[in-house]
């Protein structure tokens, strides 16, 4: 299911040449849910997006609260993990484990 978080990968590194981050073209975004909040991390070289959504039970859909674009995957991953700390240590550790598993499957360098 497309998230609209960022355009599909086209293997174009863009102007500037060398690309240090690769993500498999069929990678799905990393998702982490904490209660009604859903975090999406999606990216390609030089365009990593972290989006925060909140579930609205009255209309039965998610509302986008925040979307931030990062140039480097470590910035985006750090921002995500920083936000998970507010949910407690066990939740943050769970999110970190999930992020590592996703990065391995996606061939992403974080």
PDB file of N, CA and C in Angstrom:
ATOM      1  N   UNK A   1       0.847  -1.167   0.000  1.00  0.00           N
ATOM      2  CA  UNK A   1       0.000   0.000   0.000  1.00  0.00           C
ATOM      3  C   UNK A   1       0.898   1.237   0.000  1.00  0.00           C
ATOM      4  N   UNK A   2       0.796   2.095  -1.003  1.00  0.00           N
ATOM      5  CA  UNK A   2       1.609   3.318  -1.025  1.00  0.00           C
ATOM      6  C   UNK A   2       1.230   4.236   0.134  1.00  0.00           C
ATOM      7  N   UNK A   3       2.235   4.873   0.695  1.00  0.00           N
ATOM      8  CA  UNK A   3       1.987   5.766   1.825  1.00  0.00           C
ATOM      9  C   UNK A   3       1.961   7.222   1.420  1.00  0.00           C
ATOM     10  N   UNK A   4       2.493   7.528   0.239  1.00  0.00           N
ATOM     11  CA  UNK A   4       2.590   8.912  -0.174  1.00  0.00           C
ATOM     12  C   UNK A   4       3.702   9.644   0.547  1.00  0.00           C
ATOM     13  N   UNK A   5       4.484   8.911   1.367  1.00  0.00           N
ATOM     14  CA  UNK A   5       5.537   9.551   2.147  1.00  0.00           C
ATOM     15  C   UNK A   5       6.669  10.050   1.269  1.00  0.00           C
ATOM     16  N   UNK A   6       6.969   9.334   0.210  1.00  0.00           N
ATOM     17  CA  UNK A   6       7.985   9.797  -0.727  1.00  0.00           C
ATOM     18  C   UNK A   6       7.776   9.083  -2.046  1.00  0.00           C
ATOM     19  N   UNK A   7       8.280   9.641  -3.135  1.00  0.00           N
ATOM     20  CA  UNK A   7       8.070   9.027  -4.430  1.00  0.00           C
ATOM     21  C   UNK A   7       8.777   7.673  -4.508  1.00  0.00           C
ATOM     22  N   UNK A   8       8.326   6.797  -5.405  1.00  0.00           N
ATOM     23  CA  UNK A   8       8.965   5.492  -5.523  1.00  0.00           C
ATOM     24  C   UNK A   8      10.403   5.629  -5.982  1.00  0.00           C
ATOM     25  N   UNK A   9      11.261   4.674  -5.579  1.00  0.00           N
ATOM     26  CA  UNK A   9      12.665   4.757  -5.971  1.00  0.00           C
ATOM     27  C   UNK A   9      12.816   4.600  -7.475  1.00  0.00           C
ATOM     28  N   UNK A  10      13.731   5.347  -8.035  1.00  0.00           N
ATOM     29  CA  UNK A  10      13.978   5.238  -9.471  1.00  0.00           C
ATOM     30  C   UNK A  10      15.458   5.038  -9.762  1.00  0.00           C
ATOM     31  N   UNK A  11      16.217   4.717  -8.706  1.00  0.00           N
ATOM     32  CA  UNK A  11      17.653   4.462  -8.824  1.00  0.00           C
ATOM     33  C   UNK A  11      18.412   5.638  -9.419  1.00  0.00           C
ATOM     34  N   UNK A  12      17.879   6.826  -9.276  1.00  0.00           N
ATOM     35  CA  UNK A  12      18.539   8.032  -9.767  1.00  0.00           C
ATOM     36  C   UNK A  12      19.180   8.747  -8.589  1.00  0.00           C
ATOM     37  N   UNK A  13      20.518   8.766  -8.512  1.00  0.00           N
ATOM     38  CA  UNK A  13      21.150   9.427  -7.385  1.00  0.00           C
ATOM     39  C   UNK A  13      21.026  10.935  -7.419  1.00  0.00           C
ATOM     40  N   UNK A  14      20.530  11.475  -8.520  1.00  0.00           N
ATOM     41  CA  UNK A  14      20.374  12.922  -8.618  1.00  0.00           C
ATOM     42  C   UNK A  14      21.697  13.619  -8.859  1.00  0.00           C
ATOM     43  N   UNK A  15      21.649  14.915  -8.883  1.00  0.00           N
ATOM     44  CA  UNK A  15      22.861  15.692  -9.110  1.00  0.00           C
ATOM     45  C   UNK A  15      23.803  15.525  -7.926  1.00  0.00           C
ATOM     46  N   UNK A  16      25.062  15.443  -8.194  1.00  0.00           N
ATOM     47  CA  UNK A  16      26.019  15.357  -7.110  1.00  0.00           C
ATOM     48  C   UNK A  16      26.773  14.057  -7.073  1.00  0.00           C
ATOM     49  N   UNK A  17      26.325  13.050  -7.796  1.00  0.00           N
ATOM     50  CA  UNK A  17      27.137  11.855  -7.947  1.00  0.00           C
ATOM     51  C   UNK A  17      26.982  10.795  -6.891  1.00  0.00           C
ATOM     52  N   UNK A  18      28.020  10.553  -6.112  1.00  0.00           N
ATOM     53  CA  UNK A  18      28.111   9.382  -5.250  1.00  0.00           C
ATOM     54  C   UNK A  18      26.949   9.251  -4.270  1.00  0.00           C
ATOM     55  N   UNK A  19      26.446   8.032  -4.192  1.00  0.00           N
ATOM     56  CA  UNK A  19      25.370   7.721  -3.266  1.00  0.00           C
ATOM     57  C   UNK A  19      25.907   6.729  -2.254  1.00  0.00           C
ATOM     58  N   UNK A  20      25.709   6.973  -0.974  1.00  0.00           N
ATOM     59  CA  UNK A  20      26.233   6.084   0.049  1.00  0.00           C
ATOM     60  C   UNK A  20      25.156   5.216   0.673  1.00  0.00           C
ATOM     61  N   UNK A  21      23.896   5.463   0.357  1.00  0.00           N
ATOM     62  CA  UNK A  21      22.803   4.700   0.940  1.00  0.00           C
ATOM     63  C   UNK A  21      22.054   4.009  -0.173  1.00  0.00           C
ATOM     64  N   UNK A  22      21.843   2.709  -0.019  1.00  0.00           N
ATOM     65  CA  UNK A  22      21.040   1.982  -0.985  1.00  0.00           C
ATOM     66  C   UNK A  22      19.903   1.309  -0.255  1.00  0.00           C
ATOM     67  N   UNK A  23      18.758   1.286  -0.893  1.00  0.00           N
ATOM     68  CA  UNK A  23      17.581   0.626  -0.353  1.00  0.00           C
ATOM     69  C   UNK A  23      16.998  -0.199  -1.472  1.00  0.00           C
ATOM     70  N   UNK A  24      16.634  -1.428  -1.158  1.00  0.00           N
ATOM     71  CA  UNK A  24      16.054  -2.299  -2.177  1.00  0.00           C
ATOM     72  C   UNK A  24      14.824  -1.630  -2.782  1.00  0.00           C
ATOM     73  N   UNK A  25      14.665  -1.703  -4.116  1.00  0.00           N
ATOM     74  CA  UNK A  25      13.558  -0.993  -4.773  1.00  0.00           C
ATOM     75  C   UNK A  25      12.171  -1.424  -4.311  1.00  0.00           C
ATOM     76  N   UNK A  26      12.025  -2.631  -3.765  1.00  0.00           N
ATOM     77  CA  UNK A  26      10.701  -3.097  -3.352  1.00  0.00           C
ATOM     78  C   UNK A  26      10.481  -2.952  -1.848  1.00  0.00           C
ATOM     79  N   UNK A  27      11.293  -2.166  -1.197  1.00  0.00           N
ATOM     80  CA  UNK A  27      11.188  -1.999   0.240  1.00  0.00           C
ATOM     81  C   UNK A  27       9.906  -1.276   0.632  1.00  0.00           C
ATOM     82  N   UNK A  28       9.275  -1.788   1.666  1.00  0.00           N
ATOM     83  CA  UNK A  28       8.130  -1.088   2.230  1.00  0.00           C
ATOM     84  C   UNK A  28       8.636  -0.173   3.338  1.00  0.00           C
ATOM     85  N   UNK A  29       7.910   0.858   3.666  1.00  0.00           N
ATOM     86  CA  UNK A  29       8.349   1.757   4.738  1.00  0.00           C
ATOM     87  C   UNK A  29       8.429   1.031   6.080  1.00  0.00           C
ATOM     88  N   UNK A  30       9.304   1.534   6.953  1.00  0.00           N
ATOM     89  CA  UNK A  30       9.330   1.032   8.317  1.00  0.00           C
ATOM     90  C   UNK A  30       8.151   1.676   9.037  1.00  0.00           C
ATOM     91  N   UNK A  31       7.411   0.870   9.789  1.00  0.00           N
ATOM     92  CA  UNK A  31       6.283   1.395  10.557  1.00  0.00           C
ATOM     93  C   UNK A  31       6.425   0.977  12.009  1.00  0.00           C
ATOM     94  N   UNK A  32       6.000   1.847  12.886  1.00  0.00           N
ATOM     95  CA  UNK A  32       5.989   1.547  14.315  1.00  0.00           C
ATOM     96  C   UNK A  32       4.768   2.205  14.915  1.00  0.00           C
ATOM     97  N   UNK A  33       3.976   1.416  15.638  1.00  0.00           N
ATOM     98  CA  UNK A  33       2.751   1.939  16.225  1.00  0.00           C
ATOM     99  C   UNK A  33       2.859   1.983  17.739  1.00  0.00           C
ATOM    100  N   UNK A  34       2.410   3.082  18.309  1.00  0.00           N
ATOM    101  CA  UNK A  34       2.366   3.263  19.754  1.00  0.00           C
ATOM    102  C   UNK A  34       0.985   3.788  20.094  1.00  0.00           C
ATOM    103  N   UNK A  35       0.098   2.891  20.472  1.00  0.00           N
ATOM    104  CA  UNK A  35      -1.282   3.295  20.750  1.00  0.00           C
ATOM    105  C   UNK A  35      -1.943   3.808  19.476  1.00  0.00           C
ATOM    106  N   UNK A  36      -2.447   5.038  19.523  1.00  0.00           N
ATOM    107  CA  UNK A  36      -3.100   5.629  18.352  1.00  0.00           C
ATOM    108  C   UNK A  36      -2.107   6.249  17.379  1.00  0.00           C
ATOM    109  N   UNK A  37      -0.832   6.368  17.759  1.00  0.00           N
ATOM    110  CA  UNK A  37       0.193   6.977  16.897  1.00  0.00           C
ATOM    111  C   UNK A  37       0.834   5.934  16.003  1.00  0.00           C
ATOM    112  N   UNK A  38       1.057   6.322  14.764  1.00  0.00           N
ATOM    113  CA  UNK A  38       1.740   5.478  13.795  1.00  0.00           C
ATOM    114  C   UNK A  38       2.865   6.292  13.184  1.00  0.00           C
ATOM    115  N   UNK A  39       4.070   5.741  13.210  1.00  0.00           N
ATOM    116  CA  UNK A  39       5.239   6.393  12.637  1.00  0.00           C
ATOM    117  C   UNK A  39       5.636   5.657  11.376  1.00  0.00           C
ATOM    118  N   UNK A  40       5.928   6.394  10.318  1.00  0.00           N
ATOM    119  CA  UNK A  40       6.385   5.815   9.053  1.00  0.00           C
ATOM    120  C   UNK A  40       7.743   6.407   8.711  1.00  0.00           C
ATOM    121  N   UNK A  41       8.685   5.541   8.363  1.00  0.00           N
ATOM    122  CA  UNK A  41      10.005   5.964   7.918  1.00  0.00           C
ATOM    123  C   UNK A  41      10.216   5.355   6.556  1.00  0.00           C
ATOM    124  N   UNK A  42      10.443   6.191   5.579  1.00  0.00           N
ATOM    125  CA  UNK A  42      10.607   5.728   4.206  1.00  0.00           C
ATOM    126  C   UNK A  42      11.710   6.539   3.565  1.00  0.00           C
ATOM    127  N   UNK A  43      12.403   5.944   2.641  1.00  0.00           N
ATOM    128  CA  UNK A  43      13.476   6.727   2.053  1.00  0.00           C
ATOM    129  C   UNK A  43      14.123   6.127   0.838  1.00  0.00           C
ATOM    130  N   UNK A  44      14.907   6.972   0.263  1.00  0.00           N
ATOM    131  CA  UNK A  44      15.794   6.638  -0.838  1.00  0.00           C
ATOM    132  C   UNK A  44      16.971   7.586  -0.702  1.00  0.00           C
ATOM    133  N   UNK A  45      18.001   7.398  -1.497  1.00  0.00           N
ATOM    134  CA  UNK A  45      19.168   8.270  -1.332  1.00  0.00           C
ATOM    135  C   UNK A  45      18.795   9.755  -1.289  1.00  0.00           C
ATOM    136  N   UNK A  46      19.286  10.414  -0.256  1.00  0.00           N
ATOM    137  CA  UNK A  46      19.129  11.858  -0.045  1.00  0.00           C
ATOM    138  C   UNK A  46      17.689  12.336   0.148  1.00  0.00           C
ATOM    139  N   UNK A  47      16.775  11.426   0.474  1.00  0.00           N
ATOM    140  CA  UNK A  47      15.389  11.826   0.691  1.00  0.00           C
ATOM    141  C   UNK A  47      14.727  10.834   1.638  1.00  0.00           C
ATOM    142  N   UNK A  48      14.897  11.054   2.933  1.00  0.00           N
ATOM    143  CA  UNK A  48      14.300  10.199   3.946  1.00  0.00           C
ATOM    144  C   UNK A  48      13.182  10.961   4.624  1.00  0.00           C
ATOM    145  N   UNK A  49      12.038  10.321   4.756  1.00  0.00           N
ATOM    146  CA  UNK A  49      10.856  10.975   5.298  1.00  0.00           C
ATOM    147  C   UNK A  49      10.401  10.242   6.557  1.00  0.00           C
ATOM    148  N   UNK A  50      10.160  11.008   7.601  1.00  0.00           N
ATOM    149  CA  UNK A  50       9.567  10.490   8.824  1.00  0.00           C
ATOM    150  C   UNK A  50       8.216  11.173   8.983  1.00  0.00           C
ATOM    151  N   UNK A  51       7.170  10.369   9.033  1.00  0.00           N
ATOM    152  CA  UNK A  51       5.817  10.913   9.169  1.00  0.00           C
ATOM    153  C   UNK A  51       5.167  10.356  10.433  1.00  0.00           C
ATOM    154  N   UNK A  52       4.441  11.215  11.104  1.00  0.00           N
ATOM    155  CA  UNK A  52       3.681  10.822  12.295  1.00  0.00           C
ATOM    156  C   UNK A  52       2.204  10.952  11.968  1.00  0.00           C
ATOM    157  N   UNK A  53       1.464   9.881  12.219  1.00  0.00           N
ATOM    158  CA  UNK A  53       0.029   9.881  11.986  1.00  0.00           C
ATOM    159  C   UNK A  53      -0.685   9.505  13.280  1.00  0.00           C
ATOM    160  N   UNK A  54      -1.902   9.997  13.448  1.00  0.00           N
ATOM    161  CA  UNK A  54      -2.712   9.680  14.623  1.00  0.00           C
ATOM    162  C   UNK A  54      -4.041   9.125  14.132  1.00  0.00           C
ATOM    163  N   UNK A  55      -4.460   8.022  14.748  1.00  0.00           N
ATOM    164  CA  UNK A  55      -5.720   7.403  14.365  1.00  0.00           C
ATOM    165  C   UNK A  55      -6.893   8.199  14.913  1.00  0.00           C
ATOM    166  N   UNK A  56      -7.854   8.481  14.036  1.00  0.00           N
ATOM    167  CA  UNK A  56      -9.073   9.181  14.419  1.00  0.00           C
ATOM    168  C   UNK A  56     -10.208   8.154  14.433  1.00  0.00           C
ATOM    169  N   UNK A  57     -10.578   7.652  15.604  1.00  0.00           N
ATOM    170  CA  UNK A  57     -11.583   6.591  15.652  1.00  0.00           C
ATOM    171  C   UNK A  57     -12.974   7.033  15.208  1.00  0.00           C
ATOM    172  N   UNK A  58     -13.279   8.309  15.322  1.00  0.00           N
ATOM    173  CA  UNK A  58     -14.618   8.758  14.918  1.00  0.00           C
ATOM    174  C   UNK A  58     -14.810   8.652  13.403  1.00  0.00           C
ATOM    175  N   UNK A  59     -13.732   8.813  12.628  1.00  0.00           N
ATOM    176  CA  UNK A  59     -13.823   8.692  11.172  1.00  0.00           C
ATOM    177  C   UNK A  59     -13.126   7.444  10.648  1.00  0.00           C
ATOM    178  N   UNK A  60     -12.518   6.682  11.561  1.00  0.00           N
ATOM    179  CA  UNK A  60     -11.853   5.428  11.240  1.00  0.00           C
ATOM    180  C   UNK A  60     -10.761   5.591  10.181  1.00  0.00           C
ATOM    181  N   UNK A  61      -9.877   6.584  10.393  1.00  0.00           N
ATOM    182  CA  UNK A  61      -8.728   6.756   9.502  1.00  0.00           C
ATOM    183  C   UNK A  61      -7.609   7.495  10.240  1.00  0.00           C
ATOM    184  N   UNK A  62      -6.448   7.506   9.617  1.00  0.00           N
ATOM    185  CA  UNK A  62      -5.292   8.189  10.210  1.00  0.00           C
ATOM    186  C   UNK A  62      -5.196   9.608   9.672  1.00  0.00           C
ATOM    187  N   UNK A  63      -4.772  10.511  10.544  1.00  0.00           N
ATOM    188  CA  UNK A  63      -4.520  11.898  10.175  1.00  0.00           C
ATOM    189  C   UNK A  63      -3.028  12.158  10.292  1.00  0.00           C
ATOM    190  N   UNK A  64      -2.451  12.784   9.280  1.00  0.00           N
ATOM    191  CA  UNK A  64      -1.036  13.113   9.342  1.00  0.00           C
ATOM    192  C   UNK A  64      -0.835  14.323  10.240  1.00  0.00           C
ATOM    193  N   UNK A  65       0.021  14.159  11.236  1.00  0.00           N
ATOM    194  CA  UNK A  65       0.297  15.218  12.189  1.00  0.00           C
ATOM    195  C   UNK A  65       1.565  15.963  11.806  1.00  0.00           C
ATOM    196  N   UNK A  66       2.561  15.203  11.357  1.00  0.00           N
ATOM    197  CA  UNK A  66       3.869  15.804  11.085  1.00  0.00           C
ATOM    198  C   UNK A  66       4.582  14.987  10.026  1.00  0.00           C
ATOM    199  N   UNK A  67       5.321  15.686   9.170  1.00  0.00           N
ATOM    200  CA  UNK A  67       6.163  15.031   8.171  1.00  0.00           C
ATOM    201  C   UNK A  67       7.446  15.845   8.058  1.00  0.00           C
ATOM    202  N   UNK A  68       8.563  15.161   8.167  1.00  0.00           N
ATOM    203  CA  UNK A  68       9.854  15.825   8.083  1.00  0.00           C
ATOM    204  C   UNK A  68      10.734  15.049   7.121  1.00  0.00           C
ATOM    205  N   UNK A  69      11.487  15.773   6.311  1.00  0.00           N
ATOM    206  CA  UNK A  69      12.397  15.161   5.354  1.00  0.00           C
ATOM    207  C   UNK A  69      13.826  15.325   5.839  1.00  0.00           C
ATOM    208  N   UNK A  70      14.596  14.268   5.700  1.00  0.00           N
ATOM    209  CA  UNK A  70      15.994  14.257   6.118  1.00  0.00           C
ATOM    210  C   UNK A  70      16.868  13.846   4.936  1.00  0.00           C
ATOM    211  N   UNK A  71      18.062  14.375   4.897  1.00  0.00           N
ATOM    212  CA  UNK A  71      18.983  14.021   3.825  1.00  0.00           C
ATOM    213  C   UNK A  71      19.644  12.668   4.083  1.00  0.00           C
ATOM    214  N   UNK A  72      19.929  12.367   5.341  1.00  0.00           N
ATOM    215  CA  UNK A  72      20.657  11.157   5.691  1.00  0.00           C
ATOM    216  C   UNK A  72      19.771  10.212   6.488  1.00  0.00           C
ATOM    217  N   UNK A  73      19.904   8.915   6.264  1.00  0.00           N
ATOM    218  CA  UNK A  73      19.066   7.948   6.979  1.00  0.00           C
ATOM    219  C   UNK A  73      19.306   7.947   8.484  1.00  0.00           C
ATOM    220  N   UNK A  74      20.536   8.228   8.909  1.00  0.00           N
ATOM    221  CA  UNK A  74      20.802   8.254  10.358  1.00  0.00           C
ATOM    222  C   UNK A  74      20.062   9.388  11.039  1.00  0.00           C
ATOM    223  N   UNK A  75      19.905  10.498  10.343  1.00  0.00           N
ATOM    224  CA  UNK A  75      19.124  11.609  10.919  1.00  0.00           C
ATOM    225  C   UNK A  75      17.681  11.179  11.128  1.00  0.00           C
ATOM    226  N   UNK A  76      17.112  10.560  10.099  1.00  0.00           N
ATOM    227  CA  UNK A  76      15.712  10.138  10.165  1.00  0.00           C
ATOM    228  C   UNK A  76      15.514   9.064  11.226  1.00  0.00           C
ATOM    229  N   UNK A  77      16.414   8.076  11.259  1.00  0.00           N
ATOM    230  CA  UNK A  77      16.313   7.010  12.252  1.00  0.00           C
ATOM    231  C   UNK A  77      16.495   7.570  13.665  1.00  0.00           C
ATOM    232  N   UNK A  78      17.427   8.497  13.827  1.00  0.00           N
ATOM    233  CA  UNK A  78      17.648   9.118  15.130  1.00  0.00           C
ATOM    234  C   UNK A  78      16.436   9.897  15.600  1.00  0.00           C
ATOM    235  N   UNK A  79      15.801  10.606  14.679  1.00  0.00           N
ATOM    236  CA  UNK A  79      14.589  11.356  15.031  1.00  0.00           C
ATOM    237  C   UNK A  79      13.473  10.404  15.452  1.00  0.00           C
ATOM    238  N   UNK A  80      13.315   9.309  14.724  1.00  0.00           N
ATOM    239  CA  UNK A  80      12.296   8.321  15.080  1.00  0.00           C
ATOM    240  C   UNK A  80      12.577   7.734  16.465  1.00  0.00           C
ATOM    241  N   UNK A  81      13.793   7.292  16.684  1.00  0.00           N
ATOM    242  CA  UNK A  81      14.126   6.675  17.966  1.00  0.00           C
ATOM    243  C   UNK A  81      14.030   7.680  19.110  1.00  0.00           C
ATOM    244  N   UNK A  82      14.364   8.927  18.842  1.00  0.00           N
ATOM    245  CA  UNK A  82      14.213   9.957  19.860  1.00  0.00           C
ATOM    246  C   UNK A  82      12.770  10.116  20.299  1.00  0.00           C
ATOM    247  N   UNK A  83      11.859   9.993  19.368  1.00  0.00           N
ATOM    248  CA  UNK A  83      10.438  10.129  19.707  1.00  0.00           C
ATOM    249  C   UNK A  83       9.920   8.901  20.451  1.00  0.00           C
ATOM    250  N   UNK A  84      10.511   7.737  20.200  1.00  0.00           N
ATOM    251  CA  UNK A  84      10.038   6.527  20.882  1.00  0.00           C
ATOM    252  C   UNK A  84      10.391   6.534  22.360  1.00  0.00           C
ATOM    253  N   UNK A  85      11.412   7.284  22.728  1.00  0.00           N
ATOM    254  CA  UNK A  85      11.837   7.330  24.139  1.00  0.00           C
ATOM    255  C   UNK A  85      10.713   7.849  25.032  1.00  0.00           C
ATOM    256  N   UNK A  86       9.883   8.720  24.509  1.00  0.00           N
ATOM    257  CA  UNK A  86       8.763   9.261  25.295  1.00  0.00           C
ATOM    258  C   UNK A  86       7.777   8.166  25.701  1.00  0.00           C
ATOM    259  N   UNK A  87       7.803   7.050  24.998  1.00  0.00           N
ATOM    260  CA  UNK A  87       6.885   5.945  25.307  1.00  0.00           C
ATOM    261  C   UNK A  87       7.457   4.958  26.304  1.00  0.00           C
ATOM    262  N   UNK A  88       8.696   5.185  26.739  1.00  0.00           N
ATOM    263  CA  UNK A  88       9.321   4.306  27.721  1.00  0.00           C
ATOM    264  C   UNK A  88      10.426   3.459  27.115  1.00  0.00           C
ATOM    265  N   UNK A  89      11.258   2.946  28.001  1.00  0.00           N
ATOM    266  CA  UNK A  89      12.435   2.208  27.560  1.00  0.00           C
ATOM    267  C   UNK A  89      12.083   0.952  26.766  1.00  0.00           C
ATOM    268  N   UNK A  90      11.115   0.171  27.219  1.00  0.00           N
ATOM    269  CA  UNK A  90      10.786  -1.074  26.513  1.00  0.00           C
ATOM    270  C   UNK A  90      10.229  -0.791  25.117  1.00  0.00           C
ATOM    271  N   UNK A  91       9.420   0.251  24.991  1.00  0.00           N
ATOM    272  CA  UNK A  91       8.889   0.623  23.677  1.00  0.00           C
ATOM    273  C   UNK A  91      10.006   1.115  22.757  1.00  0.00           C
ATOM    274  N   UNK A  92      10.918   1.910  23.306  1.00  0.00           N
ATOM    275  CA  UNK A  92      12.041   2.410  22.505  1.00  0.00           C
ATOM    276  C   UNK A  92      12.930   1.262  22.040  1.00  0.00           C
ATOM    277  N   UNK A  93      13.190   0.309  22.930  1.00  0.00           N
ATOM    278  CA  UNK A  93      14.001  -0.850  22.552  1.00  0.00           C
ATOM    279  C   UNK A  93      13.306  -1.687  21.494  1.00  0.00           C
ATOM    280  N   UNK A  94      12.000  -1.841  21.622  1.00  0.00           N
ATOM    281  CA  UNK A  94      11.225  -2.593  20.633  1.00  0.00           C
ATOM    282  C   UNK A  94      11.300  -1.916  19.265  1.00  0.00           C
ATOM    283  N   UNK A  95      11.148  -0.602  19.258  1.00  0.00           N
ATOM    284  CA  UNK A  95      11.228   0.146  18.000  1.00  0.00           C
ATOM    285  C   UNK A  95      12.619   0.033  17.389  1.00  0.00           C
ATOM    286  N   UNK A  96      13.651   0.101  18.216  1.00  0.00           N
ATOM    287  CA  UNK A  96      15.029  -0.005  17.725  1.00  0.00           C
ATOM    288  C   UNK A  96      15.279  -1.379  17.114  1.00  0.00           C
ATOM    289  N   UNK A  97      14.799  -2.443  17.769  1.00  0.00           N
ATOM    290  CA  UNK A  97      14.952  -3.789  17.207  1.00  0.00           C
ATOM    291  C   UNK A  97      14.230  -3.904  15.872  1.00  0.00           C
ATOM    292  N   UNK A  98      13.020  -3.376  15.819  1.00  0.00           N
ATOM    293  CA  UNK A  98      12.253  -3.422  14.571  1.00  0.00           C
ATOM    294  C   UNK A  98      12.935  -2.639  13.458  1.00  0.00           C
ATOM    295  N   UNK A  99      13.515  -1.508  13.810  1.00  0.00           N
ATOM    296  CA  UNK A  99      14.212  -0.688  12.819  1.00  0.00           C
ATOM    297  C   UNK A  99      15.429  -1.418  12.266  1.00  0.00           C
ATOM    298  N   UNK A 100      16.173  -2.085  13.129  1.00  0.00           N
ATOM    299  CA  UNK A 100      17.335  -2.851  12.670  1.00  0.00           C
ATOM    300  C   UNK A 100      16.897  -3.992  11.758  1.00  0.00           C
ATOM    301  N   UNK A 101      15.845  -4.708  12.139  1.00  0.00           N
ATOM    302  CA  UNK A 101      15.335  -5.801  11.295  1.00  0.00           C
ATOM    303  C   UNK A 101      14.897  -5.269   9.935  1.00  0.00           C
ATOM    304  N   UNK A 102      14.212  -4.143   9.926  1.00  0.00           N
ATOM    305  CA  UNK A 102      13.774  -3.535   8.657  1.00  0.00           C
ATOM    306  C   UNK A 102      14.971  -3.139   7.817  1.00  0.00           C
ATOM    307  N   UNK A 103      15.982  -2.524   8.430  1.00  0.00           N
ATOM    308  CA  UNK A 103      17.168  -2.081   7.690  1.00  0.00           C
ATOM    309  C   UNK A 103      17.888  -3.255   7.054  1.00  0.00           C
ATOM    310  N   UNK A 104      17.967  -4.380   7.754  1.00  0.00           N
ATOM    311  CA  UNK A 104      18.614  -5.567   7.196  1.00  0.00           C
ATOM    312  C   UNK A 104      17.834  -6.064   5.974  1.00  0.00           C
ATOM    313  N   UNK A 105      16.521  -6.155   6.088  1.00  0.00           N
ATOM    314  CA  UNK A 105      15.689  -6.621   4.968  1.00  0.00           C
ATOM    315  C   UNK A 105      15.752  -5.640   3.799  1.00  0.00           C
ATOM    316  N   UNK A 106      15.820  -4.356   4.103  1.00  0.00           N
ATOM    317  CA  UNK A 106      15.796  -3.320   3.067  1.00  0.00           C
ATOM    318  C   UNK A 106      17.181  -3.038   2.488  1.00  0.00           C
ATOM    319  N   UNK A 107      18.196  -3.662   3.073  1.00  0.00           N
ATOM    320  CA  UNK A 107      19.585  -3.386   2.655  1.00  0.00           C
ATOM    321  C   UNK A 107      19.898  -1.912   2.846  1.00  0.00           C
ATOM    322  N   UNK A 108      19.377  -1.339   3.907  1.00  0.00           N
ATOM    323  CA  UNK A 108      19.590   0.087   4.189  1.00  0.00           C
ATOM    324  C   UNK A 108      20.769   0.243   5.136  1.00  0.00           C
ATOM    325  N   UNK A 109      21.547   1.254   4.916  1.00  0.00           N
ATOM    326  CA  UNK A 109      22.675   1.576   5.782  1.00  0.00           C
ATOM    327  C   UNK A 109      22.240   2.714   6.680  1.00  0.00           C
ATOM    328  N   UNK A 110      22.090   2.425   7.972  1.00  0.00           N
ATOM    329  CA  UNK A 110      21.661   3.473   8.904  1.00  0.00           C
ATOM    330  C   UNK A 110      22.834   3.980   9.704  1.00  0.00           C
TER     331      UNK A 110
END
